[in-house]
Structure formats: structure tokens, C-alpha cells
Amino acid sequence: MSAVPATSAGVDPSVPCAPEPGRVRPSVDPDRCEAKGDCVRVCPYGVFEIRPVDADVRAGMSWRGRLKSWVHGGRQAQVVAADRCHACGLCVRSCPEQAIRLLPAAT
């Protein structure tokens, strides 16, 4: 099954995705993300958005992660629709900070 039509923003239509969503859930490491938005641009399923970092997430970040967040305007990629993920891995490959992992979904 093809990931998306060739007209999608920079997405390779030959990359196979799982036919059904829900096998995995994407996870963004807040200590690594620099809000460049590559994941948002390549995801054909709208799983990510760039949003302000919540105070509770910021509190759990390392001092370096908090500094990076501040430098990048206090915004980071966040998973907003994990249930739509088809495990194609485009987000993982596109992230220059290697901040995204696909984890097995809870059963």
C-alpha cells in the first residue's frame, strides 16, 4: 500500500505504511526537539504539530533541553494524533535531531 499520493509535501509515495493505524505510537524527546517542523511536513496523517511546550513537560526536561526549548521559542513538535500513525517512519527519518521514536502501541 502506498503511503500517500505524489502530491504530498515531499513524501516519497513508494514508502510502504501499515494498512491500519495503531501498531505504534510516535514519541518526541523534548530534550532533543528543536521545532524545525520536518515531521509535520512529511507526515501524511497529521500526527504532529508544533506547539508551545507545556509547563509539566518543561519541568521534566534537562537543563540543556530547557535551554534548547527557550532558544527555539518555547515550541516543539508534539504528537497530537497518535492513533492516526501508520508506522511509515517518515517522521523518524526526517528529524535532524533524531528526536522521534516509534514505540509499540499499548495493547
PDB file of N, CA and C in Angstrom:
ATOM      1  N   MET A   1       0.850  -1.186   0.000  1.00  0.00           N
ATOM      2  CA  MET A   1       0.000   0.000   0.000  1.00  0.00           C
ATOM      3  C   MET A   1       0.882   1.232   0.000  1.00  0.00           C
ATOM      4  N   SER A   2       0.609   2.180  -0.835  1.00  0.00           N
ATOM      5  CA  SER A   2       1.390   3.393  -0.945  1.00  0.00           C
ATOM      6  C   SER A   2       1.082   4.319   0.228  1.00  0.00           C
ATOM      7  N   ALA A   3       2.103   5.046   0.675  1.00  0.00           N
ATOM      8  CA  ALA A   3       1.958   5.921   1.831  1.00  0.00           C
ATOM      9  C   ALA A   3       0.996   7.062   1.556  1.00  0.00           C
ATOM     10  N   VAL A   4       1.254   7.810   0.488  1.00  0.00           N
ATOM     11  CA  VAL A   4       0.449   8.977   0.159  1.00  0.00           C
ATOM     12  C   VAL A   4       0.584   9.268  -1.316  1.00  0.00           C
ATOM     13  N   PRO A   5      -0.277  10.110  -1.851  1.00  0.00           N
ATOM     14  CA  PRO A   5      -0.117  10.486  -3.250  1.00  0.00           C
ATOM     15  C   PRO A   5       1.158  11.305  -3.463  1.00  0.00           C
ATOM     16  N   ALA A   6       1.648  11.310  -4.678  1.00  0.00           N
ATOM     17  CA  ALA A   6       2.894  12.007  -5.006  1.00  0.00           C
ATOM     18  C   ALA A   6       2.809  13.501  -4.772  1.00  0.00           C
ATOM     19  N   THR A   7       1.619  14.064  -4.652  1.00  0.00           N
ATOM     20  CA  THR A   7       1.472  15.499  -4.474  1.00  0.00           C
ATOM     21  C   THR A   7       1.701  15.956  -3.036  1.00  0.00           C
ATOM     22  N   SER A   8       1.816  15.045  -2.086  1.00  0.00           N
ATOM     23  CA  SER A   8       2.023  15.439  -0.697  1.00  0.00           C
ATOM     24  C   SER A   8       3.398  16.066  -0.525  1.00  0.00           C
ATOM     25  N   ALA A   9       3.527  16.942   0.422  1.00  0.00           N
ATOM     26  CA  ALA A   9       4.729  17.736   0.639  1.00  0.00           C
ATOM     27  C   ALA A   9       5.979  16.899   0.860  1.00  0.00           C
ATOM     28  N   GLY A  10       6.700  16.609  -0.208  1.00  0.00           N
ATOM     29  CA  GLY A  10       7.982  15.947  -0.098  1.00  0.00           C
ATOM     30  C   GLY A  10       7.942  14.506   0.345  1.00  0.00           C
ATOM     31  N   VAL A  11       6.803  13.864   0.361  1.00  0.00           N
ATOM     32  CA  VAL A  11       6.687  12.493   0.832  1.00  0.00           C
ATOM     33  C   VAL A  11       6.915  11.545  -0.330  1.00  0.00           C
ATOM     34  N   ASP A  12       7.727  10.537  -0.111  1.00  0.00           N
ATOM     35  CA  ASP A  12       8.008   9.526  -1.116  1.00  0.00           C
ATOM     36  C   ASP A  12       6.832   8.556  -1.164  1.00  0.00           C
ATOM     37  N   PRO A  13       6.091   8.522  -2.252  1.00  0.00           N
ATOM     38  CA  PRO A  13       4.906   7.661  -2.308  1.00  0.00           C
ATOM     39  C   PRO A  13       5.230   6.176  -2.345  1.00  0.00           C
ATOM     40  N   SER A  14       6.498   5.822  -2.527  1.00  0.00           N
ATOM     41  CA  SER A  14       6.852   4.408  -2.568  1.00  0.00           C
ATOM     42  C   SER A  14       7.123   3.818  -1.186  1.00  0.00           C
ATOM     43  N   VAL A  15       7.121   4.641  -0.148  1.00  0.00           N
ATOM     44  CA  VAL A  15       7.363   4.156   1.209  1.00  0.00           C
ATOM     45  C   VAL A  15       6.104   3.461   1.712  1.00  0.00           C
ATOM     46  N   PRO A  16       6.200   2.176   2.017  1.00  0.00           N
ATOM     47  CA  PRO A  16       5.009   1.465   2.483  1.00  0.00           C
ATOM     48  C   PRO A  16       4.672   1.799   3.933  1.00  0.00           C
ATOM     49  N   CYS A  17       3.429   1.957   4.176  1.00  0.00           N
ATOM     50  CA  CYS A  17       2.942   2.189   5.534  1.00  0.00           C
ATOM     51  C   CYS A  17       2.049   1.012   5.930  1.00  0.00           C
ATOM     52  N   ALA A  18       1.826   0.882   7.214  1.00  0.00           N
ATOM     53  CA  ALA A  18       0.902  -0.149   7.691  1.00  0.00           C
ATOM     54  C   ALA A  18      -0.485   0.191   7.169  1.00  0.00           C
ATOM     55  N   PRO A  19      -1.232  -0.804   6.730  1.00  0.00           N
ATOM     56  CA  PRO A  19      -2.566  -0.528   6.208  1.00  0.00           C
ATOM     57  C   PRO A  19      -3.519   0.016   7.263  1.00  0.00           C
ATOM     58  N   GLU A  20      -3.297  -0.322   8.512  1.00  0.00           N
ATOM     59  CA  GLU A  20      -4.150   0.153   9.595  1.00  0.00           C
ATOM     60  C   GLU A  20      -3.307   0.916  10.607  1.00  0.00           C
ATOM     61  N   PRO A  21      -3.806   2.039  11.114  1.00  0.00           N
ATOM     62  CA  PRO A  21      -3.071   2.764  12.148  1.00  0.00           C
ATOM     63  C   PRO A  21      -3.152   2.038  13.484  1.00  0.00           C
ATOM     64  N   GLY A  22      -2.301   2.440  14.410  1.00  0.00           N
ATOM     65  CA  GLY A  22      -2.402   1.942  15.773  1.00  0.00           C
ATOM     66  C   GLY A  22      -1.379   0.908  16.193  1.00  0.00           C
ATOM     67  N   ARG A  23      -0.527   0.428  15.283  1.00  0.00           N
ATOM     68  CA  ARG A  23       0.503  -0.544  15.672  1.00  0.00           C
ATOM     69  C   ARG A  23       1.568   0.079  16.561  1.00  0.00           C
ATOM     70  N   VAL A  24       1.857   1.345  16.302  1.00  0.00           N
ATOM     71  CA  VAL A  24       2.885   2.054  17.065  1.00  0.00           C
ATOM     72  C   VAL A  24       2.344   3.400  17.506  1.00  0.00           C
ATOM     73  N   ARG A  25       3.081   4.004  18.421  1.00  0.00           N
ATOM     74  CA  ARG A  25       2.765   5.382  18.799  1.00  0.00           C
ATOM     75  C   ARG A  25       4.061   6.176  18.729  1.00  0.00           C
ATOM     76  N   PRO A  26       4.041   7.318  18.058  1.00  0.00           N
ATOM     77  CA  PRO A  26       5.234   8.140  17.968  1.00  0.00           C
ATOM     78  C   PRO A  26       5.509   8.826  19.303  1.00  0.00           C
ATOM     79  N   SER A  27       6.778   9.025  19.580  1.00  0.00           N
ATOM     80  CA  SER A  27       7.192   9.701  20.796  1.00  0.00           C
ATOM     81  C   SER A  27       8.270  10.723  20.435  1.00  0.00           C
ATOM     82  N   VAL A  28       8.110  11.958  20.909  1.00  0.00           N
ATOM     83  CA  VAL A  28       9.080  13.025  20.658  1.00  0.00           C
ATOM     84  C   VAL A  28       9.858  13.278  21.938  1.00  0.00           C
ATOM     85  N   ASP A  29      11.178  13.224  21.856  1.00  0.00           N
ATOM     86  CA  ASP A  29      12.042  13.507  23.003  1.00  0.00           C
ATOM     87  C   ASP A  29      12.139  15.018  23.173  1.00  0.00           C
ATOM     88  N   PRO A  30      11.543  15.577  24.228  1.00  0.00           N
ATOM     89  CA  PRO A  30      11.545  17.035  24.386  1.00  0.00           C
ATOM     90  C   PRO A  30      12.937  17.613  24.630  1.00  0.00           C
ATOM     91  N   ASP A  31      13.881  16.799  25.073  1.00  0.00           N
ATOM     92  CA  ASP A  31      15.246  17.297  25.265  1.00  0.00           C
ATOM     93  C   ASP A  31      16.004  17.443  23.948  1.00  0.00           C
ATOM     94  N   ARG A  32      15.500  16.832  22.885  1.00  0.00           N
ATOM     95  CA  ARG A  32      16.184  16.883  21.591  1.00  0.00           C
ATOM     96  C   ARG A  32      15.484  17.778  20.569  1.00  0.00           C
ATOM     97  N   CYS A  33      14.168  17.838  20.605  1.00  0.00           N
ATOM     98  CA  CYS A  33      13.401  18.534  19.567  1.00  0.00           C
ATOM     99  C   CYS A  33      13.731  20.021  19.518  1.00  0.00           C
ATOM    100  N   GLU A  34      13.936  20.526  18.283  1.00  0.00           N
ATOM    101  CA  GLU A  34      14.211  21.947  18.072  1.00  0.00           C
ATOM    102  C   GLU A  34      13.128  22.629  17.235  1.00  0.00           C
ATOM    103  N   ALA A  35      11.982  22.002  17.118  1.00  0.00           N
ATOM    104  CA  ALA A  35      10.800  22.584  16.467  1.00  0.00           C
ATOM    105  C   ALA A  35      11.036  22.992  15.013  1.00  0.00           C
ATOM    106  N   LYS A  36      11.867  22.257  14.312  1.00  0.00           N
ATOM    107  CA  LYS A  36      12.117  22.589  12.911  1.00  0.00           C
ATOM    108  C   LYS A  36      10.929  22.230  12.032  1.00  0.00           C
ATOM    109  N   GLY A  37      10.085  21.304  12.477  1.00  0.00           N
ATOM    110  CA  GLY A  37       8.837  21.003  11.794  1.00  0.00           C
ATOM    111  C   GLY A  37       8.926  20.039  10.632  1.00  0.00           C
ATOM    112  N   ASP A  38      10.067  19.401  10.439  1.00  0.00           N
ATOM    113  CA  ASP A  38      10.177  18.433   9.344  1.00  0.00           C
ATOM    114  C   ASP A  38       9.145  17.312   9.503  1.00  0.00           C
ATOM    115  N   CYS A  39       8.925  16.867  10.728  1.00  0.00           N
ATOM    116  CA  CYS A  39       7.958  15.794  10.974  1.00  0.00           C
ATOM    117  C   CYS A  39       6.552  16.217  10.577  1.00  0.00           C
ATOM    118  N   VAL A  40       6.215  17.462  10.840  1.00  0.00           N
ATOM    119  CA  VAL A  40       4.892  17.978  10.485  1.00  0.00           C
ATOM    120  C   VAL A  40       4.730  17.977   8.970  1.00  0.00           C
ATOM    121  N   ARG A  41       5.772  18.403   8.261  1.00  0.00           N
ATOM    122  CA  ARG A  41       5.710  18.489   6.804  1.00  0.00           C
ATOM    123  C   ARG A  41       5.629  17.125   6.127  1.00  0.00           C
ATOM    124  N   VAL A  42       6.328  16.118   6.652  1.00  0.00           N
ATOM    125  CA  VAL A  42       6.365  14.828   5.946  1.00  0.00           C
ATOM    126  C   VAL A  42       5.268  13.861   6.361  1.00  0.00           C
ATOM    127  N   CYS A  43       4.665  14.050   7.511  1.00  0.00           N
ATOM    128  CA  CYS A  43       3.661  13.092   7.975  1.00  0.00           C
ATOM    129  C   CYS A  43       2.377  13.208   7.151  1.00  0.00           C
ATOM    130  N   PRO A  44       2.025  12.141   6.442  1.00  0.00           N
ATOM    131  CA  PRO A  44       0.816  12.194   5.623  1.00  0.00           C
ATOM    132  C   PRO A  44      -0.477  12.041   6.428  1.00  0.00           C
ATOM    133  N   TYR A  45      -0.364  11.814   7.726  1.00  0.00           N
ATOM    134  CA  TYR A  45      -1.550  11.538   8.539  1.00  0.00           C
ATOM    135  C   TYR A  45      -1.841  12.599   9.600  1.00  0.00           C
ATOM    136  N   GLY A  46      -1.086  13.694   9.614  1.00  0.00           N
ATOM    137  CA  GLY A  46      -1.353  14.778  10.559  1.00  0.00           C
ATOM    138  C   GLY A  46      -1.132  14.411  12.014  1.00  0.00           C
ATOM    139  N   VAL A  47      -0.114  13.614  12.278  1.00  0.00           N
ATOM    140  CA  VAL A  47       0.149  13.135  13.636  1.00  0.00           C
ATOM    141  C   VAL A  47       0.815  14.198  14.507  1.00  0.00           C
ATOM    142  N   PHE A  48       1.561  15.122  13.903  1.00  0.00           N
ATOM    143  CA  PHE A  48       2.357  16.097  14.665  1.00  0.00           C
ATOM    144  C   PHE A  48       1.893  17.530  14.437  1.00  0.00           C
ATOM    145  N   GLU A  49       2.158  18.364  15.433  1.00  0.00           N
ATOM    146  CA  GLU A  49       2.010  19.817  15.331  1.00  0.00           C
ATOM    147  C   GLU A  49       3.142  20.448  16.123  1.00  0.00           C
ATOM    148  N   ILE A  50       3.515  21.662  15.741  1.00  0.00           N
ATOM    149  CA  ILE A  50       4.471  22.435  16.532  1.00  0.00           C
ATOM    150  C   ILE A  50       3.640  23.289  17.482  1.00  0.00           C
ATOM    151  N   ARG A  51       3.891  23.112  18.775  1.00  0.00           N
ATOM    152  CA  ARG A  51       3.116  23.804  19.815  1.00  0.00           C
ATOM    153  C   ARG A  51       4.038  24.260  20.937  1.00  0.00           C
ATOM    154  N   PRO A  52       3.546  25.179  21.778  1.00  0.00           N
ATOM    155  CA  PRO A  52       4.317  25.556  22.966  1.00  0.00           C
ATOM    156  C   PRO A  52       4.484  24.363  23.901  1.00  0.00           C
ATOM    157  N   VAL A  53       5.628  24.292  24.547  1.00  0.00           N
ATOM    158  CA  VAL A  53       5.907  23.207  25.488  1.00  0.00           C
ATOM    159  C   VAL A  53       5.127  23.469  26.777  1.00  0.00           C
ATOM    160  N   ASP A  54       4.400  22.463  27.255  1.00  0.00           N
ATOM    161  CA  ASP A  54       3.649  22.581  28.498  1.00  0.00           C
ATOM    162  C   ASP A  54       4.607  22.695  29.685  1.00  0.00           C
ATOM    163  N   ALA A  55       4.161  23.362  30.728  1.00  0.00           N
ATOM    164  CA  ALA A  55       4.983  23.550  31.918  1.00  0.00           C
ATOM    165  C   ALA A  55       5.398  22.222  32.551  1.00  0.00           C
ATOM    166  N   ASP A  56       4.496  21.235  32.567  1.00  0.00           N
ATOM    167  CA  ASP A  56       4.849  19.953  33.181  1.00  0.00           C
ATOM    168  C   ASP A  56       5.898  19.205  32.358  1.00  0.00           C
ATOM    169  N   VAL A  57       5.853  19.339  31.040  1.00  0.00           N
ATOM    170  CA  VAL A  57       6.885  18.728  30.191  1.00  0.00           C
ATOM    171  C   VAL A  57       8.214  19.454  30.409  1.00  0.00           C
ATOM    172  N   ARG A  58       8.158  20.773  30.428  1.00  0.00           N
ATOM    173  CA  ARG A  58       9.370  21.578  30.640  1.00  0.00           C
ATOM    174  C   ARG A  58      10.025  21.228  31.972  1.00  0.00           C
ATOM    175  N   ALA A  59       9.221  20.999  32.992  1.00  0.00           N
ATOM    176  CA  ALA A  59       9.765  20.678  34.316  1.00  0.00           C
ATOM    177  C   ALA A  59      10.547  19.372  34.305  1.00  0.00           C
ATOM    178  N   GLY A  60      10.196  18.446  33.433  1.00  0.00           N
ATOM    179  CA  GLY A  60      10.888  17.171  33.360  1.00  0.00           C
ATOM    180  C   GLY A  60      12.080  17.158  32.414  1.00  0.00           C
ATOM    181  N   MET A  61      12.326  18.275  31.744  1.00  0.00           N
ATOM    182  CA  MET A  61      13.425  18.347  30.784  1.00  0.00           C
ATOM    183  C   MET A  61      14.750  18.627  31.477  1.00  0.00           C
ATOM    184  N   SER A  62      15.825  18.217  30.834  1.00  0.00           N
ATOM    185  CA  SER A  62      17.162  18.532  31.337  1.00  0.00           C
ATOM    186  C   SER A  62      17.400  20.036  31.182  1.00  0.00           C
ATOM    187  N   TRP A  63      18.417  20.552  31.844  1.00  0.00           N
ATOM    188  CA  TRP A  63      18.707  21.991  31.707  1.00  0.00           C
ATOM    189  C   TRP A  63      19.055  22.319  30.259  1.00  0.00           C
ATOM    190  N   ARG A  64      19.739  21.402  29.588  1.00  0.00           N
ATOM    191  CA  ARG A  64      20.088  21.620  28.182  1.00  0.00           C
ATOM    192  C   ARG A  64      18.822  21.623  27.313  1.00  0.00           C
ATOM    193  N   GLY A  65      17.905  20.714  27.589  1.00  0.00           N
ATOM    194  CA  GLY A  65      16.643  20.671  26.858  1.00  0.00           C
ATOM    195  C   GLY A  65      15.828  21.934  27.060  1.00  0.00           C
ATOM    196  N   ARG A  66      15.786  22.443  28.293  1.00  0.00           N
ATOM    197  CA  ARG A  66      15.062  23.692  28.565  1.00  0.00           C
ATOM    198  C   ARG A  66      15.711  24.857  27.828  1.00  0.00           C
ATOM    199  N   LEU A  67      17.046  24.878  27.781  1.00  0.00           N
ATOM    200  CA  LEU A  67      17.752  25.935  27.065  1.00  0.00           C
ATOM    201  C   LEU A  67      17.436  25.864  25.566  1.00  0.00           C
ATOM    202  N   LYS A  68      17.492  24.656  25.000  1.00  0.00           N
ATOM    203  CA  LYS A  68      17.167  24.495  23.581  1.00  0.00           C
ATOM    204  C   LYS A  68      15.730  24.929  23.304  1.00  0.00           C
ATOM    205  N   SER A  69      14.831  24.573  24.182  1.00  0.00           N
ATOM    206  CA  SER A  69      13.435  24.963  24.020  1.00  0.00           C
ATOM    207  C   SER A  69      13.307  26.488  24.028  1.00  0.00           C
ATOM    208  N   TRP A  70      13.988  27.126  24.934  1.00  0.00           N
ATOM    209  CA  TRP A  70      13.942  28.589  25.026  1.00  0.00           C
ATOM    210  C   TRP A  70      14.488  29.224  23.748  1.00  0.00           C
ATOM    211  N   VAL A  71      15.624  28.706  23.267  1.00  0.00           N
ATOM    212  CA  VAL A  71      16.239  29.234  22.048  1.00  0.00           C
ATOM    213  C   VAL A  71      15.287  29.109  20.861  1.00  0.00           C
ATOM    214  N   HIS A  72      14.493  28.064  20.836  1.00  0.00           N
ATOM    215  CA  HIS A  72      13.581  27.825  19.723  1.00  0.00           C
ATOM    216  C   HIS A  72      12.165  28.316  20.010  1.00  0.00           C
ATOM    217  N   GLY A  73      12.051  29.309  20.857  1.00  0.00           N
ATOM    218  CA  GLY A  73      10.771  29.972  21.087  1.00  0.00           C
ATOM    219  C   GLY A  73       9.815  29.238  21.992  1.00  0.00           C
ATOM    220  N   GLY A  74      10.310  28.250  22.751  1.00  0.00           N
ATOM    221  CA  GLY A  74       9.451  27.521  23.678  1.00  0.00           C
ATOM    222  C   GLY A  74       8.455  26.611  22.981  1.00  0.00           C
ATOM    223  N   ARG A  75       8.745  26.273  21.730  1.00  0.00           N
ATOM    224  CA  ARG A  75       7.842  25.425  20.948  1.00  0.00           C
ATOM    225  C   ARG A  75       8.582  24.165  20.514  1.00  0.00           C
ATOM    226  N   GLN A  76       7.831  23.082  20.391  1.00  0.00           N
ATOM    227  CA  GLN A  76       8.394  21.811  19.948  1.00  0.00           C
ATOM    228  C   GLN A  76       7.337  21.017  19.202  1.00  0.00           C
ATOM    229  N   ALA A  77       7.817  20.004  18.497  1.00  0.00           N
ATOM    230  CA  ALA A  77       6.882  19.077  17.853  1.00  0.00           C
ATOM    231  C   ALA A  77       6.200  18.264  18.946  1.00  0.00           C
ATOM    232  N   GLN A  78       4.918  18.078  18.780  1.00  0.00           N
ATOM    233  CA  GLN A  78       4.163  17.271  19.729  1.00  0.00           C
ATOM    234  C   GLN A  78       3.234  16.339  18.968  1.00  0.00           C
ATOM    235  N   VAL A  79       3.050  15.170  19.514  1.00  0.00           N
ATOM    236  CA  VAL A  79       2.142  14.188  18.931  1.00  0.00           C
ATOM    237  C   VAL A  79       0.727  14.583  19.320  1.00  0.00           C
ATOM    238  N   VAL A  80      -0.087  14.881  18.328  1.00  0.00           N
ATOM    239  CA  VAL A  80      -1.464  15.307  18.591  1.00  0.00           C
ATOM    240  C   VAL A  80      -2.487  14.268  18.150  1.00  0.00           C
ATOM    241  N   ALA A  81      -2.049  13.275  17.379  1.00  0.00           N
ATOM    242  CA  ALA A  81      -2.980  12.258  16.892  1.00  0.00           C
ATOM    243  C   ALA A  81      -2.256  10.925  16.706  1.00  0.00           C
ATOM    244  N   ALA A  82      -1.762  10.369  17.795  1.00  0.00           N
ATOM    245  CA  ALA A  82      -1.009   9.114  17.743  1.00  0.00           C
ATOM    246  C   ALA A  82      -1.829   7.990  17.123  1.00  0.00           C
ATOM    247  N   ASP A  83      -3.128   8.040  17.294  1.00  0.00           N
ATOM    248  CA  ASP A  83      -3.987   6.984  16.767  1.00  0.00           C
ATOM    249  C   ASP A  83      -4.043   6.970  15.239  1.00  0.00           C
ATOM    250  N   ARG A  84      -3.548   8.021  14.593  1.00  0.00           N
ATOM    251  CA  ARG A  84      -3.519   8.077  13.130  1.00  0.00           C
ATOM    252  C   ARG A  84      -2.211   7.535  12.542  1.00  0.00           C
ATOM    253  N   CYS A  85      -1.223   7.234  13.362  1.00  0.00           N
ATOM    254  CA  CYS A  85       0.095   6.817  12.882  1.00  0.00           C
ATOM    255  C   CYS A  85       0.026   5.453  12.194  1.00  0.00           C
ATOM    256  N   HIS A  86       0.577   5.383  10.975  1.00  0.00           N
ATOM    257  CA  HIS A  86       0.618   4.155  10.195  1.00  0.00           C
ATOM    258  C   HIS A  86       2.011   3.526  10.177  1.00  0.00           C
ATOM    259  N   ALA A  87       2.921   3.991  11.004  1.00  0.00           N
ATOM    260  CA  ALA A  87       4.254   3.412  11.171  1.00  0.00           C
ATOM    261  C   ALA A  87       5.108   3.456   9.916  1.00  0.00           C
ATOM    262  N   CYS A  88       4.960   4.479   9.090  1.00  0.00           N
ATOM    263  CA  CYS A  88       5.778   4.552   7.879  1.00  0.00           C
ATOM    264  C   CYS A  88       7.207   4.992   8.180  1.00  0.00           C
ATOM    265  N   GLY A  89       7.429   5.688   9.305  1.00  0.00           N
ATOM    266  CA  GLY A  89       8.772   6.098   9.697  1.00  0.00           C
ATOM    267  C   GLY A  89       9.289   7.339   9.011  1.00  0.00           C
ATOM    268  N   LEU A  90       8.463   8.016   8.226  1.00  0.00           N
ATOM    269  CA  LEU A  90       8.913   9.234   7.559  1.00  0.00           C
ATOM    270  C   LEU A  90       9.342  10.298   8.565  1.00  0.00           C
ATOM    271  N   CYS A  91       8.629  10.386   9.667  1.00  0.00           N
ATOM    272  CA  CYS A  91       8.968  11.369  10.704  1.00  0.00           C
ATOM    273  C   CYS A  91      10.333  11.062  11.316  1.00  0.00           C
ATOM    274  N   VAL A  92      10.588   9.806  11.583  1.00  0.00           N
ATOM    275  CA  VAL A  92      11.859   9.395  12.191  1.00  0.00           C
ATOM    276  C   VAL A  92      13.011   9.754  11.262  1.00  0.00           C
ATOM    277  N   ARG A  93      12.858   9.443   9.990  1.00  0.00           N
ATOM    278  CA  ARG A  93      13.927   9.714   9.021  1.00  0.00           C
ATOM    279  C   ARG A  93      14.102  11.204   8.765  1.00  0.00           C
ATOM    280  N   SER A  94      13.056  11.987   8.903  1.00  0.00           N
ATOM    281  CA  SER A  94      13.147  13.414   8.583  1.00  0.00           C
ATOM    282  C   SER A  94      13.682  14.268   9.721  1.00  0.00           C
ATOM    283  N   CYS A  95      13.675  13.770  10.945  1.00  0.00           N
ATOM    284  CA  CYS A  95      14.050  14.589  12.101  1.00  0.00           C
ATOM    285  C   CYS A  95      15.570  14.753  12.188  1.00  0.00           C
ATOM    286  N   PRO A  96      16.069  15.973  12.021  1.00  0.00           N
ATOM    287  CA  PRO A  96      17.522  16.178  12.068  1.00  0.00           C
ATOM    288  C   PRO A  96      18.116  15.971  13.465  1.00  0.00           C
ATOM    289  N   GLU A  97      17.298  16.071  14.497  1.00  0.00           N
ATOM    290  CA  GLU A  97      17.785  15.880  15.869  1.00  0.00           C
ATOM    291  C   GLU A  97      17.616  14.450  16.358  1.00  0.00           C
ATOM    292  N   GLN A  98      17.038  13.591  15.542  1.00  0.00           N
ATOM    293  CA  GLN A  98      16.748  12.212  15.924  1.00  0.00           C
ATOM    294  C   GLN A  98      15.949  12.171  17.229  1.00  0.00           C
ATOM    295  N   ALA A  99      14.917  13.015  17.277  1.00  0.00           N
ATOM    296  CA  ALA A  99      14.104  13.166  18.483  1.00  0.00           C
ATOM    297  C   ALA A  99      12.845  12.298  18.473  1.00  0.00           C
ATOM    298  N   ILE A 100      12.577  11.601  17.374  1.00  0.00           N
ATOM    299  CA  ILE A 100      11.326  10.847  17.259  1.00  0.00           C
ATOM    300  C   ILE A 100      11.610   9.353  17.228  1.00  0.00           C
ATOM    301  N   ARG A 101      10.822   8.635  17.998  1.00  0.00           N
ATOM    302  CA  ARG A 101      10.877   7.164  18.005  1.00  0.00           C
ATOM    303  C   ARG A 101       9.461   6.636  17.825  1.00  0.00           C
ATOM    304  N   LEU A 102       9.369   5.474  17.210  1.00  0.00           N
ATOM    305  CA  LEU A 102       8.089   4.798  17.091  1.00  0.00           C
ATOM    306  C   LEU A 102       8.100   3.651  18.087  1.00  0.00           C
ATOM    307  N   LEU A 103       7.217   3.707  19.056  1.00  0.00           N
ATOM    308  CA  LEU A 103       7.148   2.703  20.116  1.00  0.00           C
ATOM    309  C   LEU A 103       5.947   1.797  19.902  1.00  0.00           C
ATOM    310  N   PRO A 104       6.037   0.555  20.338  1.00  0.00           N
ATOM    311  CA  PRO A 104       4.867  -0.322  20.222  1.00  0.00           C
ATOM    312  C   PRO A 104       3.670   0.282  20.950  1.00  0.00           C
ATOM    313  N   ALA A 105       2.511   0.190  20.324  1.00  0.00           N
ATOM    314  CA  ALA A 105       1.301   0.708  20.959  1.00  0.00           C
ATOM    315  C   ALA A 105       0.910  -0.189  22.110  1.00  0.00           C
ATOM    316  N   ALA A 106       0.347   0.401  23.141  1.00  0.00           N
ATOM    317  CA  ALA A 106      -0.138  -0.369  24.279  1.00  0.00           C
ATOM    318  C   ALA A 106      -1.330  -1.201  23.836  1.00  0.00           C
ATOM    319  N   THR A 107      -1.380  -2.414  24.326  1.00  0.00           N
ATOM    320  CA  THR A 107      -2.494  -3.282  23.944  1.00  0.00           C
ATOM    321  C   THR A 107      -3.508  -3.401  25.048  1.00  0.00           C
TER     322      THR A 107
END
